[in-house]
Amino acid sequence: MARDLYIQALRGVAISAVVLIHCLPQSTITVAVRPLLNFAVALFIFLSGYLTTPERCGDVLGFYRRRIGKVLAPYLVWSLFYLLARRVTDPVAIGEAILVGGGRLRCTTSWSTCSWCS
């Protein structure tokens, strides 16, 4: 029982770190704090592997087939929904970029915080 509480506490810390990553404003302080929060992704991967037992996954091929089957359909549906909604709200935003001076890419999206485009 104590082991389960410890794992649940680790999951709670990781979830809190991910929420902070996504909610921090774009500022100089974020640049300093963000590396301290990046442990959350590694912790989720570690806990996923730690909690996966041979009894739960059976044969390896079947394990991955079930995992992909559970994730792929929702991913494709919501990706299609997002692309259609984005195309309706901003027709130029989907997959369009222009070359500017020196061969640099420049976004044509309306996102002013696009870091790879500035």
N, C-alpha and C. Protein backbone atom coordinates (compact mmCIF):
# COMPACT_ATOMS: atom_id res chain seq x y z
N MET A 1 0.82 -1.20 0.00
CA MET A 1 0.00 0.00 0.00
C MET A 1 0.86 1.26 0.00
N ALA A 2 1.92 1.28 0.81
CA ALA A 2 2.78 2.45 0.87
C ALA A 2 3.46 2.69 -0.47
N ARG A 3 3.79 1.61 -1.19
CA ARG A 3 4.44 1.75 -2.48
C ARG A 3 3.51 2.43 -3.48
N ASP A 4 2.24 2.08 -3.46
CA ASP A 4 1.27 2.71 -4.35
C ASP A 4 1.12 4.20 -4.05
N LEU A 5 1.12 4.57 -2.78
CA LEU A 5 1.02 5.98 -2.42
C LEU A 5 2.24 6.75 -2.89
N TYR A 6 3.41 6.14 -2.82
CA TYR A 6 4.64 6.79 -3.29
C TYR A 6 4.57 7.02 -4.80
N ILE A 7 4.12 6.03 -5.53
CA ILE A 7 4.01 6.17 -6.99
C ILE A 7 2.95 7.22 -7.34
N GLN A 8 1.85 7.22 -6.62
CA GLN A 8 0.82 8.23 -6.86
C GLN A 8 1.36 9.63 -6.57
N ALA A 9 2.17 9.76 -5.54
CA ALA A 9 2.77 11.06 -5.23
C ALA A 9 3.72 11.49 -6.34
N LEU A 10 4.50 10.55 -6.88
CA LEU A 10 5.39 10.87 -8.00
C LEU A 10 4.59 11.32 -9.22
N ARG A 11 3.50 10.64 -9.49
CA ARG A 11 2.64 11.03 -10.61
C ARG A 11 2.07 12.43 -10.40
N GLY A 12 1.67 12.73 -9.17
CA GLY A 12 1.14 14.06 -8.87
C GLY A 12 2.17 15.15 -9.08
N VAL A 13 3.41 14.89 -8.67
CA VAL A 13 4.49 15.86 -8.87
C VAL A 13 4.74 16.07 -10.36
N ALA A 14 4.76 14.97 -11.13
CA ALA A 14 4.99 15.08 -12.57
C ALA A 14 3.85 15.84 -13.25
N ILE A 15 2.62 15.55 -12.86
CA ILE A 15 1.48 16.27 -13.44
C ILE A 15 1.56 17.76 -13.13
N SER A 16 1.91 18.10 -11.90
CA SER A 16 2.05 19.51 -11.52
C SER A 16 3.13 20.19 -12.33
N ALA A 17 4.25 19.49 -12.56
CA ALA A 17 5.33 20.07 -13.35
C ALA A 17 4.89 20.32 -14.79
N VAL A 18 4.14 19.39 -15.38
CA VAL A 18 3.66 19.58 -16.75
C VAL A 18 2.69 20.76 -16.83
N VAL A 19 1.81 20.88 -15.85
CA VAL A 19 0.88 22.01 -15.83
C VAL A 19 1.65 23.32 -15.75
N LEU A 20 2.67 23.36 -14.90
CA LEU A 20 3.50 24.58 -14.80
C LEU A 20 4.21 24.88 -16.11
N ILE A 21 4.72 23.84 -16.77
CA ILE A 21 5.40 24.05 -18.05
C ILE A 21 4.47 24.75 -19.03
N HIS A 22 3.21 24.31 -19.07
CA HIS A 22 2.27 24.86 -20.05
C HIS A 22 1.64 26.18 -19.61
N CYS A 23 1.72 26.51 -18.34
CA CYS A 23 1.07 27.73 -17.85
C CYS A 23 2.02 28.89 -17.58
N LEU A 24 3.32 28.64 -17.59
CA LEU A 24 4.26 29.72 -17.33
C LEU A 24 4.22 30.74 -18.47
N PRO A 25 4.25 32.02 -18.13
CA PRO A 25 4.25 33.05 -19.18
C PRO A 25 5.62 33.09 -19.88
N GLN A 26 5.64 33.65 -21.07
CA GLN A 26 6.89 33.80 -21.80
C GLN A 26 7.67 34.97 -21.19
N SER A 27 8.71 34.64 -20.44
CA SER A 27 9.52 35.68 -19.82
C SER A 27 10.92 35.15 -19.56
N THR A 28 11.77 36.01 -19.05
CA THR A 28 13.13 35.63 -18.73
C THR A 28 13.16 34.61 -17.59
N ILE A 29 12.28 34.75 -16.64
CA ILE A 29 12.23 33.81 -15.52
C ILE A 29 11.87 32.41 -16.01
N THR A 30 11.01 32.32 -17.01
CA THR A 30 10.64 31.03 -17.57
C THR A 30 11.85 30.30 -18.13
N VAL A 31 12.76 31.05 -18.74
CA VAL A 31 13.97 30.44 -19.28
C VAL A 31 14.79 29.78 -18.18
N ALA A 32 14.78 30.35 -17.00
CA ALA A 32 15.52 29.78 -15.88
C ALA A 32 14.77 28.63 -15.21
N VAL A 33 13.44 28.71 -15.16
CA VAL A 33 12.64 27.72 -14.44
C VAL A 33 12.35 26.48 -15.28
N ARG A 34 12.18 26.64 -16.57
CA ARG A 34 11.78 25.54 -17.45
C ARG A 34 12.70 24.31 -17.37
N PRO A 35 14.02 24.46 -17.40
CA PRO A 35 14.87 23.27 -17.30
C PRO A 35 14.68 22.49 -15.99
N LEU A 36 14.25 23.17 -14.95
CA LEU A 36 14.01 22.50 -13.67
C LEU A 36 12.72 21.68 -13.69
N LEU A 37 11.85 21.95 -14.65
CA LEU A 37 10.57 21.24 -14.73
C LEU A 37 10.57 20.13 -15.79
N ASN A 38 11.59 20.06 -16.60
CA ASN A 38 11.62 19.09 -17.70
C ASN A 38 11.74 17.64 -17.24
N PHE A 39 11.98 17.42 -15.95
CA PHE A 39 12.08 16.05 -15.44
C PHE A 39 10.75 15.30 -15.57
N ALA A 40 9.66 16.03 -15.72
CA ALA A 40 8.33 15.42 -15.70
C ALA A 40 8.15 14.40 -16.83
N VAL A 41 8.62 14.69 -18.01
CA VAL A 41 8.47 13.77 -19.14
C VAL A 41 9.23 12.47 -18.86
N ALA A 42 10.45 12.60 -18.42
CA ALA A 42 11.24 11.40 -18.10
C ALA A 42 10.60 10.60 -16.97
N LEU A 43 10.03 11.28 -16.00
CA LEU A 43 9.38 10.59 -14.89
C LEU A 43 8.15 9.82 -15.37
N PHE A 44 7.36 10.41 -16.27
CA PHE A 44 6.21 9.69 -16.82
C PHE A 44 6.65 8.44 -17.58
N ILE A 45 7.70 8.56 -18.37
CA ILE A 45 8.20 7.40 -19.12
C ILE A 45 8.71 6.34 -18.16
N PHE A 46 9.45 6.74 -17.15
CA PHE A 46 9.95 5.80 -16.16
C PHE A 46 8.82 5.07 -15.45
N LEU A 47 7.82 5.81 -14.99
CA LEU A 47 6.70 5.19 -14.28
C LEU A 47 5.91 4.25 -15.19
N SER A 48 5.77 4.62 -16.45
CA SER A 48 5.08 3.75 -17.39
C SER A 48 5.80 2.41 -17.52
N GLY A 49 7.10 2.45 -17.66
CA GLY A 49 7.88 1.21 -17.76
C GLY A 49 7.90 0.44 -16.46
N TYR A 50 7.97 1.14 -15.36
CA TYR A 50 8.02 0.50 -14.04
C TYR A 50 6.71 -0.22 -13.72
N LEU A 51 5.61 0.36 -14.13
CA LEU A 51 4.31 -0.22 -13.83
C LEU A 51 3.83 -1.25 -14.85
N THR A 52 4.57 -1.43 -15.94
CA THR A 52 4.21 -2.42 -16.95
C THR A 52 4.85 -3.75 -16.58
N THR A 53 4.03 -4.72 -16.30
CA THR A 53 4.52 -6.04 -15.91
C THR A 53 4.30 -7.03 -17.06
N PRO A 54 5.06 -8.11 -17.08
CA PRO A 54 4.87 -9.10 -18.15
C PRO A 54 3.45 -9.66 -18.19
N GLU A 55 2.81 -9.76 -17.03
CA GLU A 55 1.44 -10.28 -17.00
C GLU A 55 0.47 -9.33 -17.71
N ARG A 56 0.73 -8.04 -17.62
CA ARG A 56 -0.16 -7.05 -18.23
C ARG A 56 0.05 -6.94 -19.72
N CYS A 57 1.28 -7.16 -20.19
CA CYS A 57 1.53 -6.94 -21.61
C CYS A 57 1.54 -8.22 -22.43
N GLY A 58 1.67 -9.39 -21.82
CA GLY A 58 1.67 -10.64 -22.58
C GLY A 58 2.81 -10.67 -23.57
N ASP A 59 2.53 -11.02 -24.82
CA ASP A 59 3.58 -11.01 -25.83
C ASP A 59 3.85 -9.56 -26.26
N VAL A 60 5.05 -9.30 -26.64
CA VAL A 60 5.47 -7.93 -26.95
C VAL A 60 4.71 -7.36 -28.14
N LEU A 61 4.56 -8.14 -29.19
CA LEU A 61 3.86 -7.66 -30.38
C LEU A 61 2.41 -7.31 -30.07
N GLY A 62 1.73 -8.17 -29.32
CA GLY A 62 0.35 -7.91 -28.94
C GLY A 62 0.23 -6.68 -28.05
N PHE A 63 1.21 -6.50 -27.17
CA PHE A 63 1.24 -5.35 -26.28
C PHE A 63 1.27 -4.06 -27.08
N TYR A 64 2.19 -3.97 -28.05
CA TYR A 64 2.30 -2.75 -28.85
C TYR A 64 1.12 -2.57 -29.78
N ARG A 65 0.57 -3.67 -30.29
CA ARG A 65 -0.60 -3.58 -31.15
C ARG A 65 -1.79 -2.99 -30.38
N ARG A 66 -1.98 -3.44 -29.14
CA ARG A 66 -3.07 -2.89 -28.33
C ARG A 66 -2.82 -1.42 -28.01
N ARG A 67 -1.59 -1.08 -27.65
CA ARG A 67 -1.28 0.32 -27.34
C ARG A 67 -1.51 1.24 -28.52
N ILE A 68 -1.02 0.84 -29.68
CA ILE A 68 -1.17 1.67 -30.87
C ILE A 68 -2.65 1.76 -31.25
N GLY A 69 -3.36 0.66 -31.10
CA GLY A 69 -4.79 0.66 -31.41
C GLY A 69 -5.57 1.62 -30.53
N LYS A 70 -5.18 1.76 -29.28
CA LYS A 70 -5.88 2.65 -28.36
C LYS A 70 -5.56 4.12 -28.62
N VAL A 71 -4.38 4.39 -29.14
CA VAL A 71 -3.92 5.77 -29.29
C VAL A 71 -4.13 6.31 -30.71
N LEU A 72 -3.95 5.48 -31.70
CA LEU A 72 -3.92 5.96 -33.09
C LEU A 72 -5.25 6.56 -33.55
N ALA A 73 -6.36 5.89 -33.30
CA ALA A 73 -7.66 6.40 -33.77
C ALA A 73 -7.99 7.76 -33.14
N PRO A 74 -7.93 7.92 -31.80
CA PRO A 74 -8.21 9.25 -31.24
C PRO A 74 -7.24 10.32 -31.75
N TYR A 75 -5.98 9.95 -31.92
CA TYR A 75 -4.99 10.90 -32.42
C TYR A 75 -5.37 11.39 -33.81
N LEU A 76 -5.73 10.47 -34.70
CA LEU A 76 -6.09 10.85 -36.06
C LEU A 76 -7.37 11.68 -36.10
N VAL A 77 -8.36 11.29 -35.31
CA VAL A 77 -9.63 12.03 -35.27
C VAL A 77 -9.40 13.47 -34.80
N TRP A 78 -8.70 13.63 -33.68
CA TRP A 78 -8.51 14.98 -33.15
C TRP A 78 -7.54 15.80 -33.99
N SER A 79 -6.58 15.16 -34.64
CA SER A 79 -5.69 15.89 -35.55
C SER A 79 -6.47 16.43 -36.73
N LEU A 80 -7.35 15.60 -37.29
CA LEU A 80 -8.18 16.04 -38.40
C LEU A 80 -9.12 17.17 -37.96
N PHE A 81 -9.72 17.02 -36.79
CA PHE A 81 -10.59 18.07 -36.25
C PHE A 81 -9.82 19.38 -36.09
N TYR A 82 -8.61 19.29 -35.53
CA TYR A 82 -7.80 20.50 -35.33
C TYR A 82 -7.44 21.14 -36.67
N LEU A 83 -7.01 20.34 -37.63
CA LEU A 83 -6.63 20.90 -38.93
C LEU A 83 -7.81 21.57 -39.63
N LEU A 84 -8.98 20.94 -39.56
CA LEU A 84 -10.16 21.56 -40.18
C LEU A 84 -10.56 22.84 -39.46
N ALA A 85 -10.56 22.81 -38.14
CA ALA A 85 -10.91 24.02 -37.38
C ALA A 85 -9.90 25.13 -37.62
N ARG A 86 -8.65 24.79 -37.68
CA ARG A 86 -7.61 25.79 -37.91
C ARG A 86 -7.72 26.36 -39.33
N ARG A 87 -8.05 25.52 -40.29
CA ARG A 87 -8.19 25.97 -41.68
C ARG A 87 -9.36 26.95 -41.80
N VAL A 88 -10.43 26.71 -41.05
CA VAL A 88 -11.60 27.59 -41.09
C VAL A 88 -11.27 28.93 -40.43
N THR A 89 -10.58 28.90 -39.30
CA THR A 89 -10.31 30.14 -38.57
C THR A 89 -9.16 30.96 -39.15
N ASP A 90 -8.17 30.29 -39.75
CA ASP A 90 -7.03 31.00 -40.32
C ASP A 90 -6.51 30.21 -41.52
N PRO A 91 -7.03 30.47 -42.71
CA PRO A 91 -6.70 29.66 -43.89
C PRO A 91 -5.22 29.66 -44.25
N VAL A 92 -4.47 30.66 -43.84
CA VAL A 92 -3.06 30.74 -44.21
C VAL A 92 -2.18 29.96 -43.24
N ALA A 93 -2.68 29.62 -42.07
CA ALA A 93 -1.84 29.10 -40.99
C ALA A 93 -1.35 27.68 -41.20
N ILE A 94 -2.04 26.85 -41.93
CA ILE A 94 -1.68 25.45 -42.02
C ILE A 94 -0.54 25.25 -43.00
N GLY A 95 0.61 24.88 -42.46
CA GLY A 95 1.73 24.44 -43.26
C GLY A 95 2.28 25.45 -44.25
N GLU A 96 2.17 26.71 -43.96
CA GLU A 96 2.67 27.69 -44.90
C GLU A 96 3.77 28.52 -44.25
N ALA A 97 4.84 28.69 -44.96
CA ALA A 97 5.93 29.55 -44.51
C ALA A 97 6.54 30.16 -45.76
N ILE A 98 7.18 31.30 -45.61
CA ILE A 98 7.80 31.94 -46.75
C ILE A 98 9.28 32.12 -46.45
N LEU A 99 10.08 32.14 -47.49
CA LEU A 99 11.50 32.40 -47.33
C LEU A 99 11.73 33.90 -47.34
N VAL A 100 12.51 34.36 -46.36
CA VAL A 100 12.85 35.77 -46.31
C VAL A 100 14.35 35.89 -46.51
N GLY A 101 14.88 37.09 -46.43
CA GLY A 101 16.28 37.36 -46.69
C GLY A 101 17.23 36.33 -46.09
N GLY A 102 18.19 35.89 -46.87
CA GLY A 102 19.19 34.93 -46.41
C GLY A 102 18.66 33.50 -46.35
N GLY A 103 17.49 33.24 -46.93
CA GLY A 103 16.95 31.89 -46.94
C GLY A 103 16.33 31.45 -45.63
N ARG A 104 16.09 32.41 -44.72
CA ARG A 104 15.46 32.08 -43.44
C ARG A 104 13.98 31.85 -43.62
N LEU A 105 13.41 30.89 -42.85
CA LEU A 105 11.97 30.67 -42.89
C LEU A 105 11.28 31.70 -42.01
N ARG A 106 10.15 32.16 -42.46
CA ARG A 106 9.35 33.11 -41.69
C ARG A 106 7.92 32.60 -41.69
N CYS A 107 7.33 32.49 -40.51
CA CYS A 107 5.95 32.01 -40.40
C CYS A 107 4.97 32.97 -41.03
N THR A 108 3.92 32.40 -41.58
CA THR A 108 2.80 33.22 -42.02
C THR A 108 1.62 33.03 -41.08
N THR A 109 1.88 32.38 -39.93
CA THR A 109 0.80 32.17 -38.96
C THR A 109 0.58 33.43 -38.16
N SER A 110 -0.49 33.45 -37.41
CA SER A 110 -0.78 34.61 -36.58
C SER A 110 -0.16 34.48 -35.20
N TRP A 111 0.62 33.44 -34.96
CA TRP A 111 1.23 33.25 -33.64
C TRP A 111 2.45 34.15 -33.52
N SER A 112 2.40 35.08 -32.61
CA SER A 112 3.51 36.01 -32.47
C SER A 112 4.64 35.41 -31.64
N THR A 113 4.39 34.30 -30.95
CA THR A 113 5.43 33.71 -30.10
C THR A 113 6.08 32.51 -30.73
N CYS A 114 5.93 32.33 -32.03
CA CYS A 114 6.50 31.18 -32.73
C CYS A 114 8.02 31.34 -32.73
N SER A 115 8.73 30.57 -31.90
CA SER A 115 10.16 30.80 -31.68
C SER A 115 11.02 30.43 -32.89
N TRP A 116 10.64 29.44 -33.68
CA TRP A 116 11.49 29.06 -34.78
C TRP A 116 11.32 29.96 -35.99
N CYS A 117 10.34 30.85 -35.92
CA CYS A 117 10.07 31.71 -37.06
C CYS A 117 10.61 33.12 -36.91
N SER A 118 11.05 33.48 -35.75
CA SER A 118 11.45 34.88 -35.57
C SER A 118 12.86 35.13 -36.04
